[in-house]
Amino acid sequence: MCRVPFHARLFGPWLAIAAVLVLGQDAADKAKFGDPINVLGSMERTDQDFQDGLALDLFSPKNRTLVVQQNLTPLPGNFVTGTTGGPFMALQNYSYVISLNESANDLIAKIEIPYDPAALAAIGIQESNTYVGTLAGDKRSWIVNDATRNVHREENNTRIIKMTSLQGEYILLGRKTVDTANEFVQYGQGATRTVNVTAGNRQEAEFIDGLRLSVVPSTDMGINIDIVNGISPQAVPPGLVPVNSFAWVVNSSSPGAPMLADMKFPFNPSMLSAVRGFVQPAPVRVAKKALGTTAEVPFQLMAGEIIGILPDNSVTIPNVTQVDGQYVLLMVS
């Protein structure tokens, strides 16, 4: 089946990708939003196109009923988690809300949303920088999973594959960058090394060593991180030793603004062995002190961290309300 895009329309600052013609399928066979769709059981294929070009392809062990509705006021497309880089934007002025008559996590399914290459080119977005976002459970971001993303340029659509459930909300997103894979931030200062986040909902950024920020800011701000070598022995709490020889120094353009952030710090397991021959899981702790303090001012252990275990080799501090500061990883001596 070959789908050919026939037009796109402008709305505000965005381009909405409109419907597509479906060759070999009569227009009467295309579903409307709100129509009940009968899903075949016994792992027979259900391949359903909608009038705007949305397509669902699934296999189900049971007969079910599926409904797709439009949400005309979706979460803005610049709030994206799961992948890094940006800026992201919505390529539609609505999202798709899919519901089934019963909970179903036993499907083999994919969802695909069409795009118009000419419309993308007009706003400087490459076809390979299109994504289908899934609304997060907390409704504060669109989740993009690169492992299940597929851009099918022959048919001009972008997909989520390897799905076991279709229940949820989805939207077509674009990223206005030259790079087409995960983007990582360099440490240091300057415009190209600044993470810019927008107030209101969740956004993520990952640095070159794997340090990851997942931030819900109350105001627009920029965040930079530097690496500073050397940790004074007087700054380390008794009974602990540094995992690394350096500290991460985080500063933002709005240090007093409230926020909610998860901070994920990577560690090198070989460094744990070098310190005291530890075997995973290792009791790695994160400690922090304020910016501008002298080298001898002690670091304070942070509460609530999740102990990093293989294969992730990281430790996460959730619900941080102020990211500005100096951070080190410590372990029992």
C-alpha atoms as a PDB file:
ATOM      1  CA  MET A   1       0.000   0.000   0.000  1.00  0.00           C
ATOM      2  CA  CYS A   2       1.461   3.367  -1.036  1.00  0.00           C
ATOM      3  CA  ARG A   3       0.415   6.587   0.681  1.00  0.00           C
ATOM      4  CA  VAL A   4       1.083   9.889  -1.088  1.00  0.00           C
ATOM      5  CA  PRO A   5       0.824  13.244   0.728  1.00  0.00           C
ATOM      6  CA  PHE A   6      -1.175  15.862  -1.125  1.00  0.00           C
ATOM      7  CA  HIS A   7      -1.054  19.035   0.952  1.00  0.00           C
ATOM      8  CA  ALA A   8      -0.135  20.700   4.194  1.00  0.00           C
ATOM      9  CA  ARG A   9      -1.614  23.731   5.897  1.00  0.00           C
ATOM     10  CA  LEU A  10      -0.149  26.543   7.994  1.00  0.00           C
ATOM     11  CA  PHE A  11      -1.339  27.242  11.520  1.00  0.00           C
ATOM     12  CA  GLY A  12       0.389  29.845  13.659  1.00  0.00           C
ATOM     13  CA  PRO A  13       4.146  29.242  13.590  1.00  0.00           C
ATOM     14  CA  TRP A  14       3.783  25.582  12.716  1.00  0.00           C
ATOM     15  CA  LEU A  15       3.029  23.494   9.675  1.00  0.00           C
ATOM     16  CA  ALA A  16       0.336  20.884  10.201  1.00  0.00           C
ATOM     17  CA  ILE A  17       0.677  17.802   8.110  1.00  0.00           C
ATOM     18  CA  ALA A  18      -2.701  17.186   6.544  1.00  0.00           C
ATOM     19  CA  ALA A  19      -4.360  14.092   5.138  1.00  0.00           C
ATOM     20  CA  VAL A  20      -2.794  11.689   2.653  1.00  0.00           C
ATOM     21  CA  LEU A  21      -4.260   9.812  -0.262  1.00  0.00           C
ATOM     22  CA  VAL A  22      -4.252   6.066   0.180  1.00  0.00           C
ATOM     23  CA  LEU A  23      -3.910   4.222  -3.085  1.00  0.00           C
ATOM     24  CA  GLY A  24      -5.817   0.988  -3.274  1.00  0.00           C
ATOM     25  CA  GLN A  25      -8.155   1.899  -0.410  1.00  0.00           C
ATOM     26  CA  ASP A  26     -11.501   3.562  -1.064  1.00  0.00           C
ATOM     27  CA  ALA A  27     -12.100   6.822   0.800  1.00  0.00           C
ATOM     28  CA  ALA A  28     -15.182   5.290   2.370  1.00  0.00           C
ATOM     29  CA  ASP A  29     -12.949   2.731   4.079  1.00  0.00           C
ATOM     30  CA  LYS A  30     -11.017   5.392   5.946  1.00  0.00           C
ATOM     31  CA  ALA A  31     -12.147   5.854   9.517  1.00  0.00           C
ATOM     32  CA  LYS A  32     -13.264   9.129  11.036  1.00  0.00           C
ATOM     33  CA  PHE A  33     -12.210  10.238  14.487  1.00  0.00           C
ATOM     34  CA  GLY A  34     -14.639   8.838  17.032  1.00  0.00           C
ATOM     35  CA  ASP A  35     -15.611   5.846  14.885  1.00  0.00           C
ATOM     36  CA  PRO A  36     -15.472   2.485  16.694  1.00  0.00           C
ATOM     37  CA  ILE A  37     -12.902   0.290  14.941  1.00  0.00           C
ATOM     38  CA  ASN A  38     -13.324  -3.460  15.182  1.00  0.00           C
ATOM     39  CA  VAL A  39      -9.997  -5.104  15.984  1.00  0.00           C
ATOM     40  CA  LEU A  40      -9.724  -8.665  14.721  1.00  0.00           C
ATOM     41  CA  GLY A  41      -8.763 -11.437  17.128  1.00  0.00           C
ATOM     42  CA  SER A  42      -6.800 -14.676  16.640  1.00  0.00           C
ATOM     43  CA  MET A  43      -3.746 -12.604  15.615  1.00  0.00           C
ATOM     44  CA  GLU A  44      -5.350 -11.626  12.317  1.00  0.00           C
ATOM     45  CA  ARG A  45      -4.160  -8.330  10.909  1.00  0.00           C
ATOM     46  CA  THR A  46      -6.127  -5.110  11.442  1.00  0.00           C
ATOM     47  CA  ASP A  47      -4.813  -2.365   9.145  1.00  0.00           C
ATOM     48  CA  GLN A  48      -6.832   0.824   9.536  1.00  0.00           C
ATOM     49  CA  ASP A  49      -6.266   4.175   7.837  1.00  0.00           C
ATOM     50  CA  PHE A  50      -7.876   7.424   8.945  1.00  0.00           C
ATOM     51  CA  GLN A  51      -8.959  10.369   6.837  1.00  0.00           C
ATOM     52  CA  ASP A  52      -5.982  12.543   7.779  1.00  0.00           C
ATOM     53  CA  GLY A  53      -3.473   9.791   7.002  1.00  0.00           C
ATOM     54  CA  LEU A  54      -2.996   8.278  10.453  1.00  0.00           C
ATOM     55  CA  ALA A  55      -2.551   4.516  10.113  1.00  0.00           C
ATOM     56  CA  LEU A  56      -2.737   1.765  12.728  1.00  0.00           C
ATOM     57  CA  ASP A  57      -1.462  -1.739  12.021  1.00  0.00           C
ATOM     58  CA  LEU A  58      -1.942  -4.368  14.701  1.00  0.00           C
ATOM     59  CA  PHE A  59      -2.373  -8.014  15.582  1.00  0.00           C
ATOM     60  CA  SER A  60      -4.465  -8.948  18.615  1.00  0.00           C
ATOM     61  CA  PRO A  61      -5.169 -12.335  20.211  1.00  0.00           C
ATOM     62  CA  LYS A  62      -8.715 -11.163  21.055  1.00  0.00           C
ATOM     63  CA  ASN A  63     -11.497  -9.264  19.346  1.00  0.00           C
ATOM     64  CA  ARG A  64     -11.504  -5.707  20.632  1.00  0.00           C
ATOM     65  CA  THR A  65     -12.874  -2.259  19.841  1.00  0.00           C
ATOM     66  CA  LEU A  66     -10.641   0.747  19.290  1.00  0.00           C
ATOM     67  CA  VAL A  67     -11.501   4.466  19.093  1.00  0.00           C
ATOM     68  CA  VAL A  68      -9.275   7.374  18.033  1.00  0.00           C
ATOM     69  CA  GLN A  69     -10.194  10.912  19.077  1.00  0.00           C
ATOM     70  CA  GLN A  70      -8.533  14.238  18.304  1.00  0.00           C
ATOM     71  CA  ASN A  71      -7.224  16.409  21.121  1.00  0.00           C
ATOM     72  CA  LEU A  72      -7.339  19.963  19.766  1.00  0.00           C
ATOM     73  CA  THR A  73      -5.370  21.417  22.697  1.00  0.00           C
ATOM     74  CA  PRO A  74      -2.389  19.088  23.114  1.00  0.00           C
ATOM     75  CA  LEU A  75       0.703  19.702  25.191  1.00  0.00           C
ATOM     76  CA  PRO A  76       3.109  21.923  23.194  1.00  0.00           C
ATOM     77  CA  GLY A  77       5.669  20.001  21.176  1.00  0.00           C
ATOM     78  CA  ASN A  78       8.767  21.586  22.711  1.00  0.00           C
ATOM     79  CA  PHE A  79       8.434  19.493  25.887  1.00  0.00           C
ATOM     80  CA  VAL A  80      10.212  16.242  24.972  1.00  0.00           C
ATOM     81  CA  THR A  81      11.861  13.522  27.054  1.00  0.00           C
ATOM     82  CA  GLY A  82      13.508  10.218  26.210  1.00  0.00           C
ATOM     83  CA  THR A  83      15.789  11.674  23.557  1.00  0.00           C
ATOM     84  CA  THR A  84      18.079  14.688  23.644  1.00  0.00           C
ATOM     85  CA  GLY A  85      18.669  17.710  21.470  1.00  0.00           C
ATOM     86  CA  GLY A  86      16.312  20.338  20.217  1.00  0.00           C
ATOM     87  CA  PRO A  87      14.455  22.500  19.678  1.00  0.00           C
ATOM     88  CA  PHE A  88      11.464  20.247  19.085  1.00  0.00           C
ATOM     89  CA  MET A  89       8.124  21.437  17.731  1.00  0.00           C
ATOM     90  CA  ALA A  90       4.707  19.967  17.009  1.00  0.00           C
ATOM     91  CA  LEU A  91       3.980  19.369  13.321  1.00  0.00           C
ATOM     92  CA  GLN A  92       0.246  19.139  13.969  1.00  0.00           C
ATOM     93  CA  ASN A  93      -2.236  21.346  15.791  1.00  0.00           C
ATOM     94  CA  TYR A  94      -3.883  18.289  17.322  1.00  0.00           C
ATOM     95  CA  SER A  95      -2.907  14.952  18.810  1.00  0.00           C
ATOM     96  CA  TYR A  96      -4.438  11.478  18.645  1.00  0.00           C
ATOM     97  CA  VAL A  97      -5.972   9.858  21.718  1.00  0.00           C
ATOM     98  CA  ILE A  98      -6.339   6.100  21.266  1.00  0.00           C
ATOM     99  CA  SER A  99      -8.478   4.007  23.591  1.00  0.00           C
ATOM    100  CA  LEU A 100      -9.546   0.374  23.587  1.00  0.00           C
ATOM    101  CA  ASN A 101     -12.545  -1.220  25.240  1.00  0.00           C
ATOM    102  CA  GLU A 102     -10.212  -3.086  27.578  1.00  0.00           C
ATOM    103  CA  SER A 103      -6.621  -2.896  28.708  1.00  0.00           C
ATOM    104  CA  ALA A 104      -4.434  -4.548  26.082  1.00  0.00           C
ATOM    105  CA  ASN A 105      -0.702  -5.169  26.494  1.00  0.00           C
ATOM    106  CA  ASP A 106      -0.575  -8.244  24.278  1.00  0.00           C
ATOM    107  CA  LEU A 107      -0.551  -6.615  20.840  1.00  0.00           C
ATOM    108  CA  ILE A 108       1.921  -6.531  17.996  1.00  0.00           C
ATOM    109  CA  ALA A 109       1.352  -3.038  16.689  1.00  0.00           C
ATOM    110  CA  LYS A 110       2.650   0.088  15.044  1.00  0.00           C
ATOM    111  CA  ILE A 111       1.349   3.619  14.579  1.00  0.00           C
ATOM    112  CA  GLU A 112       2.365   5.790  11.656  1.00  0.00           C
ATOM    113  CA  ILE A 113       1.734   9.477  10.977  1.00  0.00           C
ATOM    114  CA  PRO A 114       2.368  11.049   7.551  1.00  0.00           C
ATOM    115  CA  TYR A 115       4.463  14.102   6.784  1.00  0.00           C
ATOM    116  CA  ASP A 116       4.909  16.260   3.674  1.00  0.00           C
ATOM    117  CA  PRO A 117       8.599  16.560   2.668  1.00  0.00           C
ATOM    118  CA  ALA A 118       8.032  19.930   0.973  1.00  0.00           C
ATOM    119  CA  ALA A 119       6.281  21.306   4.050  1.00  0.00           C
ATOM    120  CA  LEU A 120       9.138  20.109   6.262  1.00  0.00           C
ATOM    121  CA  ALA A 121      11.744  21.666   3.981  1.00  0.00           C
ATOM    122  CA  ALA A 122       9.895  24.989   4.150  1.00  0.00           C
ATOM    123  CA  ILE A 123      10.455  25.164   7.910  1.00  0.00           C
ATOM    124  CA  GLY A 124      13.961  23.687   7.882  1.00  0.00           C
ATOM    125  CA  ILE A 125      13.218  20.216   9.260  1.00  0.00           C
ATOM    126  CA  GLN A 126      14.751  17.098   7.742  1.00  0.00           C
ATOM    127  CA  GLU A 127      12.568  14.027   7.228  1.00  0.00           C
ATOM    128  CA  SER A 128      15.001  12.099   9.430  1.00  0.00           C
ATOM    129  CA  ASN A 129      14.241  14.554  12.239  1.00  0.00           C
ATOM    130  CA  THR A 130      10.559  13.628  12.515  1.00  0.00           C
ATOM    131  CA  TYR A 131       9.267  11.708  15.526  1.00  0.00           C
ATOM    132  CA  VAL A 132       6.056  10.326  16.967  1.00  0.00           C
ATOM    133  CA  GLY A 133       5.799  11.402  20.592  1.00  0.00           C
ATOM    134  CA  THR A 134       3.807   9.548  23.255  1.00  0.00           C
ATOM    135  CA  LEU A 135       2.323  11.616  26.072  1.00  0.00           C
ATOM    136  CA  ALA A 136       4.029  10.757  29.368  1.00  0.00           C
ATOM    137  CA  GLY A 137       2.022   9.418  32.277  1.00  0.00           C
ATOM    138  CA  ASP A 138       2.408  12.698  34.169  1.00  0.00           C
ATOM    139  CA  LYS A 139       1.278  14.594  31.027  1.00  0.00           C
ATOM    140  CA  ARG A 140       4.296  16.917  31.236  1.00  0.00           C
ATOM    141  CA  SER A 141       6.230  15.771  28.170  1.00  0.00           C
ATOM    142  CA  TRP A 142       6.128  13.846  24.925  1.00  0.00           C
ATOM    143  CA  ILE A 143       8.273  10.715  25.158  1.00  0.00           C
ATOM    144  CA  VAL A 144      10.430   9.794  22.172  1.00  0.00           C
ATOM    145  CA  ASN A 145      12.024   6.349  22.132  1.00  0.00           C
ATOM    146  CA  ASP A 146      14.733   6.094  19.488  1.00  0.00           C
ATOM    147  CA  ALA A 147      14.778   2.293  19.820  1.00  0.00           C
ATOM    148  CA  THR A 148      11.193   2.026  18.508  1.00  0.00           C
ATOM    149  CA  ARG A 149      11.239   4.959  16.078  1.00  0.00           C
ATOM    150  CA  ASN A 150      11.185   4.392  12.330  1.00  0.00           C
ATOM    151  CA  VAL A 151      11.125   6.997   9.543  1.00  0.00           C
ATOM    152  CA  HIS A 152       9.782   5.439   6.336  1.00  0.00           C
ATOM    153  CA  ARG A 153      10.818   7.917   3.660  1.00  0.00           C
ATOM    154  CA  GLU A 154       9.437   5.851   0.768  1.00  0.00           C
ATOM    155  CA  GLU A 155       5.912   6.376   2.127  1.00  0.00           C
ATOM    156  CA  ASN A 156       6.576   9.714   3.861  1.00  0.00           C
ATOM    157  CA  ASN A 157       5.562   8.679   7.346  1.00  0.00           C
ATOM    158  CA  THR A 158       7.093   8.308  10.775  1.00  0.00           C
ATOM    159  CA  ARG A 159       6.286   5.355  13.005  1.00  0.00           C
ATOM    160  CA  ILE A 160       6.475   3.833  16.416  1.00  0.00           C
ATOM    161  CA  ILE A 161       7.099   0.107  16.008  1.00  0.00           C
ATOM    162  CA  LYS A 162       7.440  -2.822  18.426  1.00  0.00           C
ATOM    163  CA  MET A 163       4.354  -1.689  20.346  1.00  0.00           C
ATOM    164  CA  THR A 164       2.484  -4.036  22.687  1.00  0.00           C
ATOM    165  CA  SER A 165      -0.220  -1.488  23.545  1.00  0.00           C
ATOM    166  CA  LEU A 166      -1.825   1.354  21.603  1.00  0.00           C
ATOM    167  CA  GLN A 167      -3.610   3.017  24.498  1.00  0.00           C
ATOM    168  CA  GLY A 168      -2.357   6.583  24.843  1.00  0.00           C
ATOM    169  CA  GLU A 169      -1.918   9.963  23.186  1.00  0.00           C
ATOM    170  CA  TYR A 170       0.371  10.595  20.207  1.00  0.00           C
ATOM    171  CA  ILE A 171       1.589  13.528  18.108  1.00  0.00           C
ATOM    172  CA  LEU A 172       3.936  14.163  15.184  1.00  0.00           C
ATOM    173  CA  LEU A 173       7.043  16.104  16.221  1.00  0.00           C
ATOM    174  CA  GLY A 174       9.954  17.654  14.368  1.00  0.00           C
ATOM    175  CA  ARG A 175      13.413  18.706  15.497  1.00  0.00           C
ATOM    176  CA  LYS A 176      15.053  21.711  13.874  1.00  0.00           C
ATOM    177  CA  THR A 177      18.689  20.611  13.953  1.00  0.00           C
ATOM    178  CA  VAL A 178      21.334  19.497  11.475  1.00  0.00           C
ATOM    179  CA  ASP A 179      22.133  16.366  13.489  1.00  0.00           C
ATOM    180  CA  THR A 180      19.682  13.495  13.218  1.00  0.00           C
ATOM    181  CA  ALA A 181      20.444  11.342  16.265  1.00  0.00           C
ATOM    182  CA  ASN A 182      20.653  11.903  20.013  1.00  0.00           C
ATOM    183  CA  GLU A 183      22.469  15.156  20.706  1.00  0.00           C
ATOM    184  CA  PHE A 184      24.845  15.532  23.642  1.00  0.00           C
ATOM    185  CA  VAL A 185      25.927  18.723  25.355  1.00  0.00           C
ATOM    186  CA  GLN A 186      29.567  19.677  25.841  1.00  0.00           C
ATOM    187  CA  TYR A 187      30.761  20.898  29.217  1.00  0.00           C
ATOM    188  CA  GLY A 188      31.655  24.567  29.480  1.00  0.00           C
ATOM    189  CA  GLN A 189      30.187  28.001  28.848  1.00  0.00           C
ATOM    190  CA  GLY A 190      28.855  29.680  25.719  1.00  0.00           C
ATOM    191  CA  ALA A 191      25.735  29.452  23.574  1.00  0.00           C
ATOM    192  CA  THR A 192      26.531  26.061  22.037  1.00  0.00           C
ATOM    193  CA  ARG A 193      27.166  24.556  25.487  1.00  0.00           C
ATOM    194  CA  THR A 194      24.026  25.912  27.138  1.00  0.00           C
ATOM    195  CA  VAL A 195      20.919  23.839  27.796  1.00  0.00           C
ATOM    196  CA  ASN A 196      17.934  26.116  27.205  1.00  0.00           C
ATOM    197  CA  VAL A 197      14.712  25.021  28.900  1.00  0.00           C
ATOM    198  CA  THR A 198      11.212  26.480  28.725  1.00  0.00           C
ATOM    199  CA  ALA A 199       8.949  27.052  31.710  1.00  0.00           C
ATOM    200  CA  GLY A 200       6.063  24.754  32.473  1.00  0.00           C
ATOM    201  CA  ASN A 201       6.770  21.128  31.626  1.00  0.00           C
ATOM    202  CA  ARG A 202       9.536  18.546  31.448  1.00  0.00           C
ATOM    203  CA  GLN A 203      12.584  18.670  29.179  1.00  0.00           C
ATOM    204  CA  GLU A 204      15.805  16.635  29.156  1.00  0.00           C
ATOM    205  CA  ALA A 205      19.436  17.094  28.212  1.00  0.00           C
ATOM    206  CA  GLU A 206      22.384  14.711  28.325  1.00  0.00           C
ATOM    207  CA  PHE A 207      26.064  15.627  28.525  1.00  0.00           C
ATOM    208  CA  ILE A 208      28.934  13.836  26.834  1.00  0.00           C
ATOM    209  CA  ASP A 209      29.731  11.576  29.803  1.00  0.00           C
ATOM    210  CA  GLY A 210      26.101  10.603  30.414  1.00  0.00           C
ATOM    211  CA  LEU A 211      25.152  13.157  33.067  1.00  0.00           C
ATOM    212  CA  ARG A 212      21.473  13.764  32.419  1.00  0.00           C
ATOM    213  CA  LEU A 213      19.084  16.493  33.535  1.00  0.00           C
ATOM    214  CA  SER A 214      15.310  16.074  33.472  1.00  0.00           C
ATOM    215  CA  VAL A 215      13.924  19.489  34.367  1.00  0.00           C
ATOM    216  CA  VAL A 216      10.538  21.112  34.994  1.00  0.00           C
ATOM    217  CA  PRO A 217      11.436  24.818  35.360  1.00  0.00           C
ATOM    218  CA  SER A 218       9.159  27.601  36.558  1.00  0.00           C
ATOM    219  CA  THR A 219      10.770  30.093  34.183  1.00  0.00           C
ATOM    220  CA  ASP A 220      12.750  29.978  30.949  1.00  0.00           C
ATOM    221  CA  MET A 221      16.430  29.546  31.717  1.00  0.00           C
ATOM    222  CA  GLY A 222      19.817  28.397  30.475  1.00  0.00           C
ATOM    223  CA  ILE A 223      21.917  25.786  32.282  1.00  0.00           C
ATOM    224  CA  ASN A 224      25.662  25.209  31.918  1.00  0.00           C
ATOM    225  CA  ILE A 225      27.903  22.612  33.543  1.00  0.00           C
ATOM    226  CA  ASP A 226      31.684  22.727  33.942  1.00  0.00           C
ATOM    227  CA  ILE A 227      34.157  20.072  35.057  1.00  0.00           C
ATOM    228  CA  VAL A 228      36.542  21.267  37.792  1.00  0.00           C
ATOM    229  CA  ASN A 229      39.486  19.035  38.665  1.00  0.00           C
ATOM    230  CA  GLY A 230      40.650  18.568  42.239  1.00  0.00           C
ATOM    231  CA  ILE A 231      38.651  17.783  45.397  1.00  0.00           C
ATOM    232  CA  SER A 232      40.057  18.992  48.704  1.00  0.00           C
ATOM    233  CA  PRO A 233      40.288  16.196  51.325  1.00  0.00           C
ATOM    234  CA  GLN A 234      38.867  18.659  53.873  1.00  0.00           C
ATOM    235  CA  ALA A 235      35.679  18.936  51.766  1.00  0.00           C
ATOM    236  CA  VAL A 236      34.921  15.196  51.899  1.00  0.00           C
ATOM    237  CA  PRO A 237      32.707  13.970  54.783  1.00  0.00           C
ATOM    238  CA  PRO A 238      34.378  11.521  57.217  1.00  0.00           C
ATOM    239  CA  GLY A 239      34.360   7.875  56.186  1.00  0.00           C
ATOM    240  CA  LEU A 240      33.901   8.644  52.488  1.00  0.00           C
ATOM    241  CA  VAL A 241      36.240   9.006  49.512  1.00  0.00           C
ATOM    242  CA  PRO A 242      35.682  10.597  46.085  1.00  0.00           C
ATOM    243  CA  VAL A 243      34.946   8.268  43.189  1.00  0.00           C
ATOM    244  CA  ASN A 244      36.401  10.782  40.711  1.00  0.00           C
ATOM    245  CA  SER A 245      39.086  13.451  40.873  1.00  0.00           C
ATOM    246  CA  PHE A 246      36.667  16.165  39.734  1.00  0.00           C
ATOM    247  CA  ALA A 247      33.406  17.930  40.550  1.00  0.00           C
ATOM    248  CA  TRP A 248      30.535  18.914  38.277  1.00  0.00           C
ATOM    249  CA  VAL A 249      29.773  22.632  38.628  1.00  0.00           C
ATOM    250  CA  VAL A 250      26.219  23.522  37.580  1.00  0.00           C
ATOM    251  CA  ASN A 251      25.019  27.074  37.082  1.00  0.00           C
ATOM    252  CA  SER A 252      21.783  28.440  35.658  1.00  0.00           C
ATOM    253  CA  SER A 253      20.643  31.845  34.470  1.00  0.00           C
ATOM    254  CA  SER A 254      17.882  31.881  37.132  1.00  0.00           C
ATOM    255  CA  PRO A 255      19.422  30.333  40.265  1.00  0.00           C
ATOM    256  CA  GLY A 256      16.615  31.472  42.557  1.00  0.00           C
ATOM    257  CA  ALA A 257      13.737  30.226  40.412  1.00  0.00           C
ATOM    258  CA  PRO A 258      11.802  27.181  41.675  1.00  0.00           C
ATOM    259  CA  MET A 259      12.126  24.009  39.639  1.00  0.00           C
ATOM    260  CA  LEU A 260      11.771  20.265  39.867  1.00  0.00           C
ATOM    261  CA  ALA A 261      14.648  18.253  38.430  1.00  0.00           C
ATOM    262  CA  ASP A 262      15.988  14.722  38.349  1.00  0.00           C
ATOM    263  CA  MET A 263      19.780  14.630  38.091  1.00  0.00           C
ATOM    264  CA  LYS A 264      21.446  11.452  36.846  1.00  0.00           C
ATOM    265  CA  PHE A 265      25.186  11.176  37.536  1.00  0.00           C
ATOM    266  CA  PRO A 266      27.237   8.515  35.707  1.00  0.00           C
ATOM    267  CA  PHE A 267      30.122   6.639  37.250  1.00  0.00           C
ATOM    268  CA  ASN A 268      32.838   4.403  35.877  1.00  0.00           C
ATOM    269  CA  PRO A 269      32.723   0.969  37.589  1.00  0.00           C
ATOM    270  CA  SER A 270      36.464   0.556  37.118  1.00  0.00           C
ATOM    271  CA  MET A 271      36.957   3.612  39.317  1.00  0.00           C
ATOM    272  CA  LEU A 272      35.059   1.875  42.124  1.00  0.00           C
ATOM    273  CA  SER A 273      37.358  -1.106  41.863  1.00  0.00           C
ATOM    274  CA  ALA A 274      40.377   1.173  41.839  1.00  0.00           C
ATOM    275  CA  VAL A 275      39.241   2.833  45.062  1.00  0.00           C
ATOM    276  CA  ARG A 276      38.468  -0.252  47.104  1.00  0.00           C
ATOM    277  CA  GLY A 277      37.753  -3.255  44.919  1.00  0.00           C
ATOM    278  CA  PHE A 278      33.975  -2.835  45.049  1.00  0.00           C
ATOM    279  CA  VAL A 279      31.625  -5.231  43.296  1.00  0.00           C
ATOM    280  CA  GLN A 280      28.278  -3.969  41.979  1.00  0.00           C
ATOM    281  CA  PRO A 281      25.894  -2.775  43.268  1.00  0.00           C
ATOM    282  CA  ALA A 282      28.067  -0.068  44.757  1.00  0.00           C
ATOM    283  CA  PRO A 283      26.920   2.338  47.492  1.00  0.00           C
ATOM    284  CA  VAL A 284      27.658   5.470  45.507  1.00  0.00           C
ATOM    285  CA  ARG A 285      26.469   8.745  47.060  1.00  0.00           C
ATOM    286  CA  VAL A 286      26.071  12.234  45.649  1.00  0.00           C
ATOM    287  CA  ALA A 287      27.187  15.252  47.666  1.00  0.00           C
ATOM    288  CA  LYS A 288      26.678  18.938  46.948  1.00  0.00           C
ATOM    289  CA  LYS A 289      27.845  22.351  48.083  1.00  0.00           C
ATOM    290  CA  ALA A 290      27.008  25.888  47.006  1.00  0.00           C
ATOM    291  CA  LEU A 291      28.670  27.753  44.177  1.00  0.00           C
ATOM    292  CA  GLY A 292      31.388  30.217  45.128  1.00  0.00           C
ATOM    293  CA  THR A 293      32.479  28.426  48.296  1.00  0.00           C
ATOM    294  CA  THR A 294      36.143  27.751  49.009  1.00  0.00           C
ATOM    295  CA  ALA A 295      37.688  24.384  48.234  1.00  0.00           C
ATOM    296  CA  GLU A 296      37.743  23.350  51.919  1.00  0.00           C
ATOM    297  CA  VAL A 297      34.007  23.890  52.560  1.00  0.00           C
ATOM    298  CA  PRO A 298      32.507  20.406  53.101  1.00  0.00           C
ATOM    299  CA  PHE A 299      30.175  18.751  50.628  1.00  0.00           C
ATOM    300  CA  GLN A 300      26.804  17.690  52.059  1.00  0.00           C
ATOM    301  CA  LEU A 301      25.318  14.296  51.207  1.00  0.00           C
ATOM    302  CA  MET A 302      22.076  14.518  49.245  1.00  0.00           C
ATOM    303  CA  ALA A 303      19.081  12.480  50.317  1.00  0.00           C
ATOM    304  CA  GLY A 304      16.866  10.314  48.180  1.00  0.00           C
ATOM    305  CA  GLU A 305      19.303   9.014  45.620  1.00  0.00           C
ATOM    306  CA  ILE A 306      18.799   5.744  43.805  1.00  0.00           C
ATOM    307  CA  ILE A 307      21.820   3.444  43.962  1.00  0.00           C
ATOM    308  CA  GLY A 308      23.266   2.903  40.506  1.00  0.00           C
ATOM    309  CA  ILE A 309      23.491  -0.701  39.323  1.00  0.00           C
ATOM    310  CA  LEU A 310      24.634  -2.421  36.162  1.00  0.00           C
ATOM    311  CA  PRO A 311      24.185  -1.904  33.266  1.00  0.00           C
ATOM    312  CA  ASP A 312      23.304   1.730  33.839  1.00  0.00           C
ATOM    313  CA  ASN A 313      26.203   2.676  36.136  1.00  0.00           C
ATOM    314  CA  SER A 314      24.572   5.839  37.393  1.00  0.00           C
ATOM    315  CA  VAL A 315      23.047   7.341  40.498  1.00  0.00           C
ATOM    316  CA  THR A 316      19.943   9.536  40.297  1.00  0.00           C
ATOM    317  CA  ILE A 317      18.821  12.297  42.621  1.00  0.00           C
ATOM    318  CA  PRO A 318      15.089  12.943  42.127  1.00  0.00           C
ATOM    319  CA  ASN A 319      13.069  16.053  42.916  1.00  0.00           C
ATOM    320  CA  VAL A 320      15.937  18.545  43.120  1.00  0.00           C
ATOM    321  CA  THR A 321      14.504  22.052  43.577  1.00  0.00           C
ATOM    322  CA  GLN A 322      17.741  23.950  42.890  1.00  0.00           C
ATOM    323  CA  VAL A 323      20.351  22.616  40.460  1.00  0.00           C
ATOM    324  CA  ASP A 324      22.968  25.349  40.908  1.00  0.00           C
ATOM    325  CA  GLY A 325      25.909  23.991  42.880  1.00  0.00           C
ATOM    326  CA  GLN A 326      28.983  21.751  42.931  1.00  0.00           C
ATOM    327  CA  TYR A 327      28.504  17.978  42.878  1.00  0.00           C
ATOM    328  CA  VAL A 328      30.784  15.011  43.597  1.00  0.00           C
ATOM    329  CA  LEU A 329      30.336  11.249  43.776  1.00  0.00           C
ATOM    330  CA  LEU A 330      31.457   9.599  47.022  1.00  0.00           C
ATOM    331  CA  MET A 331      31.711   6.070  48.393  1.00  0.00           C
ATOM    332  CA  VAL A 332      32.512   4.450  51.719  1.00  0.00           C
ATOM    333  CA  SER A 333      36.243   4.383  52.359  1.00  0.00           C
END
